[in-house]
Amino acid sequence: MEDALPHLLSLIVHQSPWLLACAAGLALLWPRTAHPAPGQTLALSGIGLLLGATLLRLVGTSIHGWLLARAVDEGRPFSDHGMLVSAMQVSFVLLAIASAVGLFLLALGASRAMRAPPRG
C-alpha cells in the first residue's frame, strides 16, 4: 500500500492531457453573450461530457489500482474481487461510450457553427 501515492500520481499524469484539453475547451466554448452561437450549446455539452467521463475514469482507475495493491499486500489473487472487477470493466466501457458521444456532440456543434450564416 505504500506505493499507492506514486501510482495515483501516475494515473493523474496519464489523464492530465484529457483534463487540460477539456478545461481549455470549456474555457473557449463558455457563452460570453446572452445568445450563444449556433452549435455552441451542443459543443459545450459534448466537452462537458468528455470532462465528466475523464474524471470518472480517473476515479475508477484509482479504485482499480487500490484494489490491486490491496490484493497484492494481502497475498490474495486479484480474481477474488471478480464481481467488482467485472463491474468496473463494464463501467470503463460505458465511460468510453460516453466519451465517444461527447466527441460526437462536439463535432456536431462545430459543424452547425460552420454552416451557420455569419452574424451581424
PDB file of N, CA and C in Angstrom:
ATOM      1  N   MET A   1       0.808  -1.200   0.000  1.00  0.00           N
ATOM      2  CA  MET A   1       0.000   0.000   0.000  1.00  0.00           C
ATOM      3  C   MET A   1       0.851   1.264   0.000  1.00  0.00           C
ATOM      4  N   GLU A   2       2.137   1.125   0.355  1.00  0.00           N
ATOM      5  CA  GLU A   2       2.996   2.312   0.387  1.00  0.00           C
ATOM      6  C   GLU A   2       3.265   2.863  -1.011  1.00  0.00           C
ATOM      7  N   ASP A   3       3.016   2.050  -2.037  1.00  0.00           N
ATOM      8  CA  ASP A   3       3.214   2.508  -3.410  1.00  0.00           C
ATOM      9  C   ASP A   3       1.955   3.132  -3.995  1.00  0.00           C
ATOM     10  N   ALA A   4       0.952   3.365  -3.188  1.00  0.00           N
ATOM     11  CA  ALA A   4      -0.324   3.875  -3.692  1.00  0.00           C
ATOM     12  C   ALA A   4      -0.206   5.314  -4.193  1.00  0.00           C
ATOM     13  N   LEU A   5       0.537   6.160  -3.487  1.00  0.00           N
ATOM     14  CA  LEU A   5       0.641   7.564  -3.896  1.00  0.00           C
ATOM     15  C   LEU A   5       1.342   7.724  -5.242  1.00  0.00           C
ATOM     16  N   PRO A   6       2.492   7.088  -5.475  1.00  0.00           N
ATOM     17  CA  PRO A   6       3.094   7.207  -6.812  1.00  0.00           C
ATOM     18  C   PRO A   6       2.172   6.668  -7.909  1.00  0.00           C
ATOM     19  N   HIS A   7       1.447   5.600  -7.596  1.00  0.00           N
ATOM     20  CA  HIS A   7       0.522   5.049  -8.573  1.00  0.00           C
ATOM     21  C   HIS A   7      -0.594   6.044  -8.884  1.00  0.00           C
ATOM     22  N   LEU A   8      -1.143   6.670  -7.852  1.00  0.00           N
ATOM     23  CA  LEU A   8      -2.196   7.666  -8.043  1.00  0.00           C
ATOM     24  C   LEU A   8      -1.681   8.856  -8.851  1.00  0.00           C
ATOM     25  N   LEU A   9      -0.477   9.318  -8.538  1.00  0.00           N
ATOM     26  CA  LEU A   9       0.109  10.428  -9.301  1.00  0.00           C
ATOM     27  C   LEU A   9       0.328  10.041 -10.764  1.00  0.00           C
ATOM     28  N   SER A  10       0.713   8.803 -10.979  1.00  0.00           N
ATOM     29  CA  SER A  10       0.886   8.318 -12.351  1.00  0.00           C
ATOM     30  C   SER A  10      -0.439   8.334 -13.110  1.00  0.00           C
ATOM     31  N   LEU A  11      -1.522   7.945 -12.432  1.00  0.00           N
ATOM     32  CA  LEU A  11      -2.839   7.968 -13.069  1.00  0.00           C
ATOM     33  C   LEU A  11      -3.266   9.390 -13.408  1.00  0.00           C
ATOM     34  N   ILE A  12      -2.989  10.321 -12.506  1.00  0.00           N
ATOM     35  CA  ILE A  12      -3.351  11.722 -12.754  1.00  0.00           C
ATOM     36  C   ILE A  12      -2.557  12.274 -13.930  1.00  0.00           C
ATOM     37  N   VAL A  13      -1.263  11.958 -13.973  1.00  0.00           N
ATOM     38  CA  VAL A  13      -0.427  12.416 -15.092  1.00  0.00           C
ATOM     39  C   VAL A  13      -0.925  11.807 -16.402  1.00  0.00           C
ATOM     40  N   HIS A  14      -1.338  10.548 -16.343  1.00  0.00           N
ATOM     41  CA  HIS A  14      -1.836   9.871 -17.540  1.00  0.00           C
ATOM     42  C   HIS A  14      -3.116  10.528 -18.064  1.00  0.00           C
ATOM     43  N   GLN A  15      -3.977  10.995 -17.179  1.00  0.00           N
ATOM     44  CA  GLN A  15      -5.242  11.620 -17.585  1.00  0.00           C
ATOM     45  C   GLN A  15      -5.117  13.126 -17.810  1.00  0.00           C
ATOM     46  N   SER A  16      -3.979  13.718 -17.428  1.00  0.00           N
ATOM     47  CA  SER A  16      -3.856  15.180 -17.493  1.00  0.00           C
ATOM     48  C   SER A  16      -4.012  15.765 -18.895  1.00  0.00           C
ATOM     49  N   PRO A  17      -3.540  15.127 -19.983  1.00  0.00           N
ATOM     50  CA  PRO A  17      -3.807  15.737 -21.302  1.00  0.00           C
ATOM     51  C   PRO A  17      -5.298  15.878 -21.593  1.00  0.00           C
ATOM     52  N   TRP A  18      -6.078  14.855 -21.226  1.00  0.00           N
ATOM     53  CA  TRP A  18      -7.527  14.936 -21.427  1.00  0.00           C
ATOM     54  C   TRP A  18      -8.148  16.019 -20.547  1.00  0.00           C
ATOM     55  N   LEU A  19      -7.705  16.067 -19.294  1.00  0.00           N
ATOM     56  CA  LEU A  19      -8.250  17.070 -18.375  1.00  0.00           C
ATOM     57  C   LEU A  19      -7.924  18.486 -18.858  1.00  0.00           C
ATOM     58  N   LEU A  20      -6.694  18.703 -19.302  1.00  0.00           N
ATOM     59  CA  LEU A  20      -6.298  20.030 -19.795  1.00  0.00           C
ATOM     60  C   LEU A  20      -7.053  20.399 -21.070  1.00  0.00           C
ATOM     61  N   ALA A  21      -7.193  19.442 -21.976  1.00  0.00           N
ATOM     62  CA  ALA A  21      -7.920  19.712 -23.223  1.00  0.00           C
ATOM     63  C   ALA A  21      -9.387  20.035 -22.947  1.00  0.00           C
ATOM     64  N   CYS A  22     -10.005  19.304 -22.038  1.00  0.00           N
ATOM     65  CA  CYS A  22     -11.410  19.561 -21.705  1.00  0.00           C
ATOM     66  C   CYS A  22     -11.571  20.914 -21.010  1.00  0.00           C
ATOM     67  N   ALA A  23     -10.650  21.242 -20.108  1.00  0.00           N
ATOM     68  CA  ALA A  23     -10.719  22.540 -19.424  1.00  0.00           C
ATOM     69  C   ALA A  23     -10.535  23.682 -20.417  1.00  0.00           C
ATOM     70  N   ALA A  24      -9.595  23.525 -21.342  1.00  0.00           N
ATOM     71  CA  ALA A  24      -9.391  24.565 -22.364  1.00  0.00           C
ATOM     72  C   ALA A  24     -10.615  24.672 -23.268  1.00  0.00           C
ATOM     73  N   GLY A  25     -11.199  23.530 -23.624  1.00  0.00           N
ATOM     74  CA  GLY A  25     -12.403  23.554 -24.450  1.00  0.00           C
ATOM     75  C   GLY A  25     -13.562  24.238 -23.752  1.00  0.00           C
ATOM     76  N   LEU A  26     -13.731  23.975 -22.469  1.00  0.00           N
ATOM     77  CA  LEU A  26     -14.787  24.657 -21.712  1.00  0.00           C
ATOM     78  C   LEU A  26     -14.552  26.158 -21.686  1.00  0.00           C
ATOM     79  N   ALA A  27     -13.298  26.564 -21.483  1.00  0.00           N
ATOM     80  CA  ALA A  27     -12.992  27.999 -21.444  1.00  0.00           C
ATOM     81  C   ALA A  27     -13.265  28.655 -22.800  1.00  0.00           C
ATOM     82  N   LEU A  28     -12.951  27.966 -23.878  1.00  0.00           N
ATOM     83  CA  LEU A  28     -13.170  28.535 -25.207  1.00  0.00           C
ATOM     84  C   LEU A  28     -14.641  28.570 -25.602  1.00  0.00           C
ATOM     85  N   LEU A  29     -15.398  27.593 -25.143  1.00  0.00           N
ATOM     86  CA  LEU A  29     -16.795  27.487 -25.562  1.00  0.00           C
ATOM     87  C   LEU A  29     -17.782  28.140 -24.613  1.00  0.00           C
ATOM     88  N   TRP A  30     -17.318  28.555 -23.440  1.00  0.00           N
ATOM     89  CA  TRP A  30     -18.238  29.124 -22.459  1.00  0.00           C
ATOM     90  C   TRP A  30     -18.933  30.349 -23.045  1.00  0.00           C
ATOM     91  N   PRO A  31     -20.279  30.423 -22.939  1.00  0.00           N
ATOM     92  CA  PRO A  31     -21.008  31.555 -23.543  1.00  0.00           C
ATOM     93  C   PRO A  31     -20.607  32.887 -22.912  1.00  0.00           C
ATOM     94  N   ARG A  32     -20.316  33.860 -23.769  1.00  0.00           N
ATOM     95  CA  ARG A  32     -19.949  35.192 -23.306  1.00  0.00           C
ATOM     96  C   ARG A  32     -21.043  36.216 -23.605  1.00  0.00           C
ATOM     97  N   THR A  33     -22.063  35.764 -24.326  1.00  0.00           N
ATOM     98  CA  THR A  33     -23.189  36.646 -24.648  1.00  0.00           C
ATOM     99  C   THR A  33     -24.485  35.951 -24.233  1.00  0.00           C
ATOM    100  N   ALA A  34     -25.573  36.713 -24.284  1.00  0.00           N
ATOM    101  CA  ALA A  34     -26.876  36.157 -23.915  1.00  0.00           C
ATOM    102  C   ALA A  34     -27.362  35.138 -24.947  1.00  0.00           C
ATOM    103  N   HIS A  35     -26.944  35.301 -26.195  1.00  0.00           N
ATOM    104  CA  HIS A  35     -27.368  34.401 -27.266  1.00  0.00           C
ATOM    105  C   HIS A  35     -26.160  33.597 -27.752  1.00  0.00           C
ATOM    106  N   PRO A  36     -26.132  32.308 -27.413  1.00  0.00           N
ATOM    107  CA  PRO A  36     -24.991  31.504 -27.855  1.00  0.00           C
ATOM    108  C   PRO A  36     -24.977  31.335 -29.374  1.00  0.00           C
ATOM    109  N   ALA A  37     -23.800  31.129 -29.903  1.00  0.00           N
ATOM    110  CA  ALA A  37     -23.647  30.903 -31.345  1.00  0.00           C
ATOM    111  C   ALA A  37     -24.293  29.568 -31.721  1.00  0.00           C
ATOM    112  N   PRO A  38     -24.645  29.406 -32.994  1.00  0.00           N
ATOM    113  CA  PRO A  38     -25.222  28.123 -33.424  1.00  0.00           C
ATOM    114  C   PRO A  38     -24.256  26.982 -33.139  1.00  0.00           C
ATOM    115  N   GLY A  39     -24.758  25.947 -32.518  1.00  0.00           N
ATOM    116  CA  GLY A  39     -23.944  24.783 -32.213  1.00  0.00           C
ATOM    117  C   GLY A  39     -23.133  24.893 -30.932  1.00  0.00           C
ATOM    118  N   GLN A  40     -23.100  26.078 -30.332  1.00  0.00           N
ATOM    119  CA  GLN A  40     -22.276  26.273 -29.138  1.00  0.00           C
ATOM    120  C   GLN A  40     -22.780  25.430 -27.969  1.00  0.00           C
ATOM    121  N   THR A  41     -24.078  25.337 -27.796  1.00  0.00           N
ATOM    122  CA  THR A  41     -24.634  24.545 -26.700  1.00  0.00           C
ATOM    123  C   THR A  41     -24.323  23.064 -26.877  1.00  0.00           C
ATOM    124  N   LEU A  42     -24.414  22.576 -28.119  1.00  0.00           N
ATOM    125  CA  LEU A  42     -24.068  21.181 -28.392  1.00  0.00           C
ATOM    126  C   LEU A  42     -22.593  20.917 -28.095  1.00  0.00           C
ATOM    127  N   ALA A  43     -21.740  21.807 -28.568  1.00  0.00           N
ATOM    128  CA  ALA A  43     -20.304  21.634 -28.348  1.00  0.00           C
ATOM    129  C   ALA A  43     -19.974  21.704 -26.853  1.00  0.00           C
ATOM    130  N   LEU A  44     -20.618  22.614 -26.146  1.00  0.00           N
ATOM    131  CA  LEU A  44     -20.393  22.738 -24.703  1.00  0.00           C
ATOM    132  C   LEU A  44     -20.873  21.475 -23.967  1.00  0.00           C
ATOM    133  N   SER A  45     -21.990  20.925 -24.384  1.00  0.00           N
ATOM    134  CA  SER A  45     -22.470  19.674 -23.797  1.00  0.00           C
ATOM    135  C   SER A  45     -21.486  18.538 -24.057  1.00  0.00           C
ATOM    136  N   GLY A  46     -20.968  18.497 -25.266  1.00  0.00           N
ATOM    137  CA  GLY A  46     -20.006  17.453 -25.622  1.00  0.00           C
ATOM    138  C   GLY A  46     -18.731  17.541 -24.813  1.00  0.00           C
ATOM    139  N   ILE A  47     -18.196  18.739 -24.666  1.00  0.00           N
ATOM    140  CA  ILE A  47     -16.949  18.895 -23.913  1.00  0.00           C
ATOM    141  C   ILE A  47     -17.195  18.624 -22.427  1.00  0.00           C
ATOM    142  N   GLY A  48     -18.376  18.984 -21.939  1.00  0.00           N
ATOM    143  CA  GLY A  48     -18.726  18.671 -20.551  1.00  0.00           C
ATOM    144  C   GLY A  48     -18.837  17.166 -20.315  1.00  0.00           C
ATOM    145  N   LEU A  49     -19.395  16.458 -21.290  1.00  0.00           N
ATOM    146  CA  LEU A  49     -19.492  15.004 -21.199  1.00  0.00           C
ATOM    147  C   LEU A  49     -18.104  14.364 -21.229  1.00  0.00           C
ATOM    148  N   LEU A  50     -17.236  14.883 -22.082  1.00  0.00           N
ATOM    149  CA  LEU A  50     -15.855  14.389 -22.118  1.00  0.00           C
ATOM    150  C   LEU A  50     -15.147  14.623 -20.788  1.00  0.00           C
ATOM    151  N   LEU A  51     -15.328  15.791 -20.210  1.00  0.00           N
ATOM    152  CA  LEU A  51     -14.694  16.107 -18.931  1.00  0.00           C
ATOM    153  C   LEU A  51     -15.231  15.194 -17.822  1.00  0.00           C
ATOM    154  N   GLY A  52     -16.535  15.004 -17.769  1.00  0.00           N
ATOM    155  CA  GLY A  52     -17.123  14.138 -16.764  1.00  0.00           C
ATOM    156  C   GLY A  52     -16.640  12.695 -16.899  1.00  0.00           C
ATOM    157  N   ALA A  53     -16.580  12.186 -18.134  1.00  0.00           N
ATOM    158  CA  ALA A  53     -16.107  10.821 -18.351  1.00  0.00           C
ATOM    159  C   ALA A  53     -14.637  10.682 -17.965  1.00  0.00           C
ATOM    160  N   THR A  54     -13.846  11.707 -18.241  1.00  0.00           N
ATOM    161  CA  THR A  54     -12.428  11.667 -17.882  1.00  0.00           C
ATOM    162  C   THR A  54     -12.251  11.647 -16.365  1.00  0.00           C
ATOM    163  N   LEU A  55     -13.005  12.476 -15.663  1.00  0.00           N
ATOM    164  CA  LEU A  55     -12.908  12.489 -14.196  1.00  0.00           C
ATOM    165  C   LEU A  55     -13.369  11.167 -13.600  1.00  0.00           C
ATOM    166  N   LEU A  56     -14.448  10.606 -14.124  1.00  0.00           N
ATOM    167  CA  LEU A  56     -14.930   9.316 -13.627  1.00  0.00           C
ATOM    168  C   LEU A  56     -13.945   8.192 -13.951  1.00  0.00           C
ATOM    169  N   ARG A  57     -13.300   8.283 -15.119  1.00  0.00           N
ATOM    170  CA  ARG A  57     -12.285   7.290 -15.470  1.00  0.00           C
ATOM    171  C   ARG A  57     -11.102   7.373 -14.502  1.00  0.00           C
ATOM    172  N   LEU A  58     -10.733   8.578 -14.109  1.00  0.00           N
ATOM    173  CA  LEU A  58      -9.652   8.761 -13.139  1.00  0.00           C
ATOM    174  C   LEU A  58     -10.022   8.135 -11.794  1.00  0.00           C
ATOM    175  N   VAL A  59     -11.244   8.351 -11.350  1.00  0.00           N
ATOM    176  CA  VAL A  59     -11.698   7.757 -10.091  1.00  0.00           C
ATOM    177  C   VAL A  59     -11.734   6.229 -10.209  1.00  0.00           C
ATOM    178  N   GLY A  60     -12.255   5.724 -11.306  1.00  0.00           N
ATOM    179  CA  GLY A  60     -12.350   4.282 -11.491  1.00  0.00           C
ATOM    180  C   GLY A  60     -10.991   3.601 -11.557  1.00  0.00           C
ATOM    181  N   THR A  61     -10.056   4.186 -12.273  1.00  0.00           N
ATOM    182  CA  THR A  61      -8.729   3.575 -12.340  1.00  0.00           C
ATOM    183  C   THR A  61      -8.014   3.671 -10.997  1.00  0.00           C
ATOM    184  N   SER A  62      -8.301   4.713 -10.229  1.00  0.00           N
ATOM    185  CA  SER A  62      -7.709   4.815  -8.885  1.00  0.00           C
ATOM    186  C   SER A  62      -8.235   3.704  -7.981  1.00  0.00           C
ATOM    187  N   ILE A  63      -9.530   3.455  -8.029  1.00  0.00           N
ATOM    188  CA  ILE A  63     -10.123   2.379  -7.229  1.00  0.00           C
ATOM    189  C   ILE A  63      -9.570   1.026  -7.681  1.00  0.00           C
ATOM    190  N   HIS A  64      -9.473   0.841  -8.979  1.00  0.00           N
ATOM    191  CA  HIS A  64      -8.940  -0.399  -9.526  1.00  0.00           C
ATOM    192  C   HIS A  64      -7.505  -0.627  -9.047  1.00  0.00           C
ATOM    193  N   GLY A  65      -6.674   0.396  -9.097  1.00  0.00           N
ATOM    194  CA  GLY A  65      -5.294   0.287  -8.628  1.00  0.00           C
ATOM    195  C   GLY A  65      -5.211   0.017  -7.138  1.00  0.00           C
ATOM    196  N   TRP A  66      -6.097   0.658  -6.372  1.00  0.00           N
ATOM    197  CA  TRP A  66      -6.118   0.448  -4.931  1.00  0.00           C
ATOM    198  C   TRP A  66      -6.487  -1.000  -4.601  1.00  0.00           C
ATOM    199  N   LEU A  67      -7.493  -1.542  -5.311  1.00  0.00           N
ATOM    200  CA  LEU A  67      -7.884  -2.932  -5.091  1.00  0.00           C
ATOM    201  C   LEU A  67      -6.752  -3.892  -5.441  1.00  0.00           C
ATOM    202  N   LEU A  68      -6.061  -3.602  -6.521  1.00  0.00           N
ATOM    203  CA  LEU A  68      -4.948  -4.447  -6.923  1.00  0.00           C
ATOM    204  C   LEU A  68      -3.827  -4.405  -5.883  1.00  0.00           C
ATOM    205  N   ALA A  69      -3.496  -3.214  -5.409  1.00  0.00           N
ATOM    206  CA  ALA A  69      -2.444  -3.078  -4.394  1.00  0.00           C
ATOM    207  C   ALA A  69      -2.846  -3.786  -3.099  1.00  0.00           C
ATOM    208  N   ARG A  70      -4.104  -3.668  -2.739  1.00  0.00           N
ATOM    209  CA  ARG A  70      -4.581  -4.328  -1.523  1.00  0.00           C
ATOM    210  C   ARG A  70      -4.521  -5.847  -1.643  1.00  0.00           C
ATOM    211  N   ALA A  71      -4.894  -6.359  -2.818  1.00  0.00           N
ATOM    212  CA  ALA A  71      -4.848  -7.805  -3.033  1.00  0.00           C
ATOM    213  C   ALA A  71      -3.414  -8.315  -2.975  1.00  0.00           C
ATOM    214  N   VAL A  72      -2.483  -7.559  -3.537  1.00  0.00           N
ATOM    215  CA  VAL A  72      -1.074  -7.956  -3.516  1.00  0.00           C
ATOM    216  C   VAL A  72      -0.542  -7.924  -2.086  1.00  0.00           C
ATOM    217  N   ASP A  73      -0.884  -6.884  -1.332  1.00  0.00           N
ATOM    218  CA  ASP A  73      -0.420  -6.775   0.051  1.00  0.00           C
ATOM    219  C   ASP A  73      -0.939  -7.911   0.930  1.00  0.00           C
ATOM    220  N   GLU A  74      -2.162  -8.338   0.664  1.00  0.00           N
ATOM    221  CA  GLU A  74      -2.764  -9.398   1.469  1.00  0.00           C
ATOM    222  C   GLU A  74      -2.409 -10.788   0.959  1.00  0.00           C
ATOM    223  N   GLY A  75      -1.698 -10.854  -0.157  1.00  0.00           N
ATOM    224  CA  GLY A  75      -1.298 -12.145  -0.707  1.00  0.00           C
ATOM    225  C   GLY A  75      -2.427 -12.925  -1.336  1.00  0.00           C
ATOM    226  N   ARG A  76      -3.499 -12.242  -1.670  1.00  0.00           N
ATOM    227  CA  ARG A  76      -4.643 -12.902  -2.293  1.00  0.00           C
ATOM    228  C   ARG A  76      -4.610 -12.661  -3.796  1.00  0.00           C
ATOM    229  N   PRO A  77      -5.187 -13.566  -4.560  1.00  0.00           N
ATOM    230  CA  PRO A  77      -5.273 -13.324  -6.006  1.00  0.00           C
ATOM    231  C   PRO A  77      -6.280 -12.212  -6.294  1.00  0.00           C
ATOM    232  N   PHE A  78      -5.993 -11.459  -7.318  1.00  0.00           N
ATOM    233  CA  PHE A  78      -6.880 -10.353  -7.690  1.00  0.00           C
ATOM    234  C   PHE A  78      -8.242 -10.872  -8.131  1.00  0.00           C
ATOM    235  N   SER A  79      -8.297 -12.129  -8.544  1.00  0.00           N
ATOM    236  CA  SER A  79      -9.567 -12.699  -9.008  1.00  0.00           C
ATOM    237  C   SER A  79     -10.589 -12.849  -7.885  1.00  0.00           C
ATOM    238  N   ASP A  80     -10.161 -12.686  -6.624  1.00  0.00           N
ATOM    239  CA  ASP A  80     -11.119 -12.723  -5.512  1.00  0.00           C
ATOM    240  C   ASP A  80     -12.139 -11.597  -5.603  1.00  0.00           C
ATOM    241  N   HIS A  81     -11.794 -10.536  -6.289  1.00  0.00           N
ATOM    242  CA  HIS A  81     -12.688  -9.385  -6.452  1.00  0.00           C
ATOM    243  C   HIS A  81     -13.446  -9.489  -7.779  1.00  0.00           C
ATOM    244  N   GLY A  82     -13.782 -10.695  -8.190  1.00  0.00           N
ATOM    245  CA  GLY A  82     -14.343 -10.953  -9.517  1.00  0.00           C
ATOM    246  C   GLY A  82     -15.513 -10.082  -9.915  1.00  0.00           C
ATOM    247  N   MET A  83     -16.545 -10.015  -9.080  1.00  0.00           N
ATOM    248  CA  MET A  83     -17.735  -9.230  -9.436  1.00  0.00           C
ATOM    249  C   MET A  83     -17.417  -7.749  -9.529  1.00  0.00           C
ATOM    250  N   LEU A  84     -16.617  -7.260  -8.603  1.00  0.00           N
ATOM    251  CA  LEU A  84     -16.266  -5.843  -8.617  1.00  0.00           C
ATOM    252  C   LEU A  84     -15.422  -5.500  -9.836  1.00  0.00           C
ATOM    253  N   VAL A  85     -14.475  -6.351 -10.170  1.00  0.00           N
ATOM    254  CA  VAL A  85     -13.636  -6.111 -11.347  1.00  0.00           C
ATOM    255  C   VAL A  85     -14.487  -6.143 -12.613  1.00  0.00           C
ATOM    256  N   SER A  86     -15.422  -7.078 -12.692  1.00  0.00           N
ATOM    257  CA  SER A  86     -16.309  -7.142 -13.858  1.00  0.00           C
ATOM    258  C   SER A  86     -17.161  -5.883 -13.962  1.00  0.00           C
ATOM    259  N   ALA A  87     -17.680  -5.423 -12.836  1.00  0.00           N
ATOM    260  CA  ALA A  87     -18.485  -4.191 -12.841  1.00  0.00           C
ATOM    261  C   ALA A  87     -17.638  -2.999 -13.265  1.00  0.00           C
ATOM    262  N   MET A  88     -16.392  -2.955 -12.831  1.00  0.00           N
ATOM    263  CA  MET A  88     -15.521  -1.846 -13.208  1.00  0.00           C
ATOM    264  C   MET A  88     -15.200  -1.895 -14.700  1.00  0.00           C
ATOM    265  N   GLN A  89     -15.003  -3.091 -15.249  1.00  0.00           N
ATOM    266  CA  GLN A  89     -14.744  -3.203 -16.676  1.00  0.00           C
ATOM    267  C   GLN A  89     -15.941  -2.726 -17.495  1.00  0.00           C
ATOM    268  N   VAL A  90     -17.135  -3.074 -17.042  1.00  0.00           N
ATOM    269  CA  VAL A  90     -18.346  -2.595 -17.723  1.00  0.00           C
ATOM    270  C   VAL A  90     -18.426  -1.073 -17.622  1.00  0.00           C
ATOM    271  N   SER A  91     -18.096  -0.524 -16.449  1.00  0.00           N
ATOM    272  CA  SER A  91     -18.154   0.934 -16.294  1.00  0.00           C
ATOM    273  C   SER A  91     -17.135   1.625 -17.194  1.00  0.00           C
ATOM    274  N   PHE A  92     -15.963   1.005 -17.391  1.00  0.00           N
ATOM    275  CA  PHE A  92     -14.964   1.601 -18.286  1.00  0.00           C
ATOM    276  C   PHE A  92     -15.458   1.609 -19.734  1.00  0.00           C
ATOM    277  N   VAL A  93     -16.174   0.559 -20.128  1.00  0.00           N
ATOM    278  CA  VAL A  93     -16.753   0.530 -21.474  1.00  0.00           C
ATOM    279  C   VAL A  93     -17.811   1.625 -21.610  1.00  0.00           C
ATOM    280  N   LEU A  94     -18.649   1.775 -20.587  1.00  0.00           N
ATOM    281  CA  LEU A  94     -19.677   2.825 -20.624  1.00  0.00           C
ATOM    282  C   LEU A  94     -19.050   4.217 -20.653  1.00  0.00           C
ATOM    283  N   LEU A  95     -17.946   4.406 -19.943  1.00  0.00           N
ATOM    284  CA  LEU A  95     -17.255   5.695 -19.982  1.00  0.00           C
ATOM    285  C   LEU A  95     -16.647   5.953 -21.357  1.00  0.00           C
ATOM    286  N   ALA A  96     -16.171   4.915 -22.011  1.00  0.00           N
ATOM    287  CA  ALA A  96     -15.651   5.069 -23.376  1.00  0.00           C
ATOM    288  C   ALA A  96     -16.778   5.471 -24.327  1.00  0.00           C
ATOM    289  N   ILE A  97     -17.954   4.880 -24.141  1.00  0.00           N
ATOM    290  CA  ILE A  97     -19.111   5.248 -24.968  1.00  0.00           C
ATOM    291  C   ILE A  97     -19.505   6.693 -24.691  1.00  0.00           C
ATOM    292  N   ALA A  98     -19.507   7.098 -23.418  1.00  0.00           N
ATOM    293  CA  ALA A  98     -19.836   8.486 -23.071  1.00  0.00           C
ATOM    294  C   ALA A  98     -18.826   9.450 -23.697  1.00  0.00           C
ATOM    295  N   SER A  99     -17.560   9.085 -23.710  1.00  0.00           N
ATOM    296  CA  SER A  99     -16.553   9.932 -24.341  1.00  0.00           C
ATOM    297  C   SER A  99     -16.794  10.050 -25.841  1.00  0.00           C
ATOM    298  N   ALA A 100     -17.170   8.942 -26.463  1.00  0.00           N
ATOM    299  CA  ALA A 100     -17.458   8.966 -27.899  1.00  0.00           C
ATOM    300  C   ALA A 100     -18.671   9.848 -28.193  1.00  0.00           C
ATOM    301  N   VAL A 101     -19.694   9.761 -27.358  1.00  0.00           N
ATOM    302  CA  VAL A 101     -20.876  10.616 -27.540  1.00  0.00           C
ATOM    303  C   VAL A 101     -20.494  12.086 -27.341  1.00  0.00           C
ATOM    304  N   GLY A 102     -19.662  12.359 -26.348  1.00  0.00           N
ATOM    305  CA  GLY A 102     -19.198  13.728 -26.126  1.00  0.00           C
ATOM    306  C   GLY A 102     -18.427  14.270 -27.314  1.00  0.00           C
ATOM    307  N   LEU A 103     -17.566  13.449 -27.892  1.00  0.00           N
ATOM    308  CA  LEU A 103     -16.811  13.874 -29.069  1.00  0.00           C
ATOM    309  C   LEU A 103     -17.732  14.107 -30.252  1.00  0.00           C
ATOM    310  N   PHE A 104     -18.747  13.250 -30.396  1.00  0.00           N
ATOM    311  CA  PHE A 104     -19.731  13.442 -31.464  1.00  0.00           C
ATOM    312  C   PHE A 104     -20.485  14.754 -31.283  1.00  0.00           C
ATOM    313  N   LEU A 105     -20.932  15.051 -30.054  1.00  0.00           N
ATOM    314  CA  LEU A 105     -21.642  16.309 -29.808  1.00  0.00           C
ATOM    315  C   LEU A 105     -20.749  17.516 -30.087  1.00  0.00           C
ATOM    316  N   LEU A 106     -19.489  17.417 -29.725  1.00  0.00           N
ATOM    317  CA  LEU A 106     -18.544  18.498 -30.007  1.00  0.00           C
ATOM    318  C   LEU A 106     -18.403  18.707 -31.512  1.00  0.00           C
ATOM    319  N   ALA A 107     -18.272  17.624 -32.260  1.00  0.00           N
ATOM    320  CA  ALA A 107     -18.160  17.726 -33.717  1.00  0.00           C
ATOM    321  C   ALA A 107     -19.455  18.236 -34.337  1.00  0.00           C
ATOM    322  N   LEU A 108     -20.590  17.797 -33.832  1.00  0.00           N
ATOM    323  CA  LEU A 108     -21.878  18.265 -34.347  1.00  0.00           C
ATOM    324  C   LEU A 108     -22.046  19.761 -34.099  1.00  0.00           C
ATOM    325  N   GLY A 109     -21.670  20.215 -32.911  1.00  0.00           N
ATOM    326  CA  GLY A 109     -21.745  21.648 -32.617  1.00  0.00           C
ATOM    327  C   GLY A 109     -20.828  22.463 -33.522  1.00  0.00           C
ATOM    328  N   ALA A 110     -19.624  21.970 -33.771  1.00  0.00           N
ATOM    329  CA  ALA A 110     -18.702  22.668 -34.668  1.00  0.00           C
ATOM    330  C   ALA A 110     -19.248  22.688 -36.093  1.00  0.00           C
ATOM    331  N   SER A 111     -19.856  21.579 -36.506  1.00  0.00           N
ATOM    332  CA  SER A 111     -20.443  21.502 -37.846  1.00  0.00           C
ATOM    333  C   SER A 111     -21.574  22.518 -38.012  1.00  0.00           C
ATOM    334  N   ARG A 112     -22.423  22.611 -37.012  1.00  0.00           N
ATOM    335  CA  ARG A 112     -23.519  23.595 -37.086  1.00  0.00           C
ATOM    336  C   ARG A 112     -22.991  25.026 -37.093  1.00  0.00           C
ATOM    337  N   ALA A 113     -21.933  25.273 -36.330  1.00  0.00           N
ATOM    338  CA  ALA A 113     -21.359  26.611 -36.293  1.00  0.00           C
ATOM    339  C   ALA A 113     -20.766  26.981 -37.653  1.00  0.00           C
ATOM    340  N   MET A 114     -20.145  26.023 -38.322  1.00  0.00           N
ATOM    341  CA  MET A 114     -19.521  26.318 -39.622  1.00  0.00           C
ATOM    342  C   MET A 114     -20.569  26.498 -40.723  1.00  0.00           C
ATOM    343  N   ARG A 115     -21.715  25.876 -40.592  1.00  0.00           N
ATOM    344  CA  ARG A 115     -22.762  26.001 -41.618  1.00  0.00           C
ATOM    345  C   ARG A 115     -23.688  27.183 -41.374  1.00  0.00           C
ATOM    346  N   ALA A 116     -23.598  27.799 -40.227  1.00  0.00           N
ATOM    347  CA  ALA A 116     -24.491  28.926 -39.896  1.00  0.00           C
ATOM    348  C   ALA A 116     -24.082  30.167 -40.691  1.00  0.00           C
ATOM    349  N   PRO A 117     -25.067  30.981 -41.070  1.00  0.00           N
ATOM    350  CA  PRO A 117     -24.708  32.237 -41.746  1.00  0.00           C
ATOM    351  C   PRO A 117     -23.996  33.172 -40.773  1.00  0.00           C
ATOM    352  N   PRO A 118     -23.116  34.009 -41.282  1.00  0.00           N
ATOM    353  CA  PRO A 118     -22.390  34.930 -40.398  1.00  0.00           C
ATOM    354  C   PRO A 118     -23.350  35.890 -39.697  1.00  0.00           C
ATOM    355  N   ARG A 119     -23.017  36.193 -38.455  1.00  0.00           N
ATOM    356  CA  ARG A 119     -23.855  37.124 -37.682  1.00  0.00           C
ATOM    357  C   ARG A 119     -23.369  38.538 -37.888  1.00  0.00           C
ATOM    358  N   GLY A 120     -24.318  39.387 -37.883  1.00  0.00           N
ATOM    359  CA  GLY A 120     -24.091  40.711 -37.790  1.00  0.00           C
ATOM    360  C   GLY A 120     -23.621  41.765 -38.517  1.00  0.00           C
TER     361      GLY A 120
END
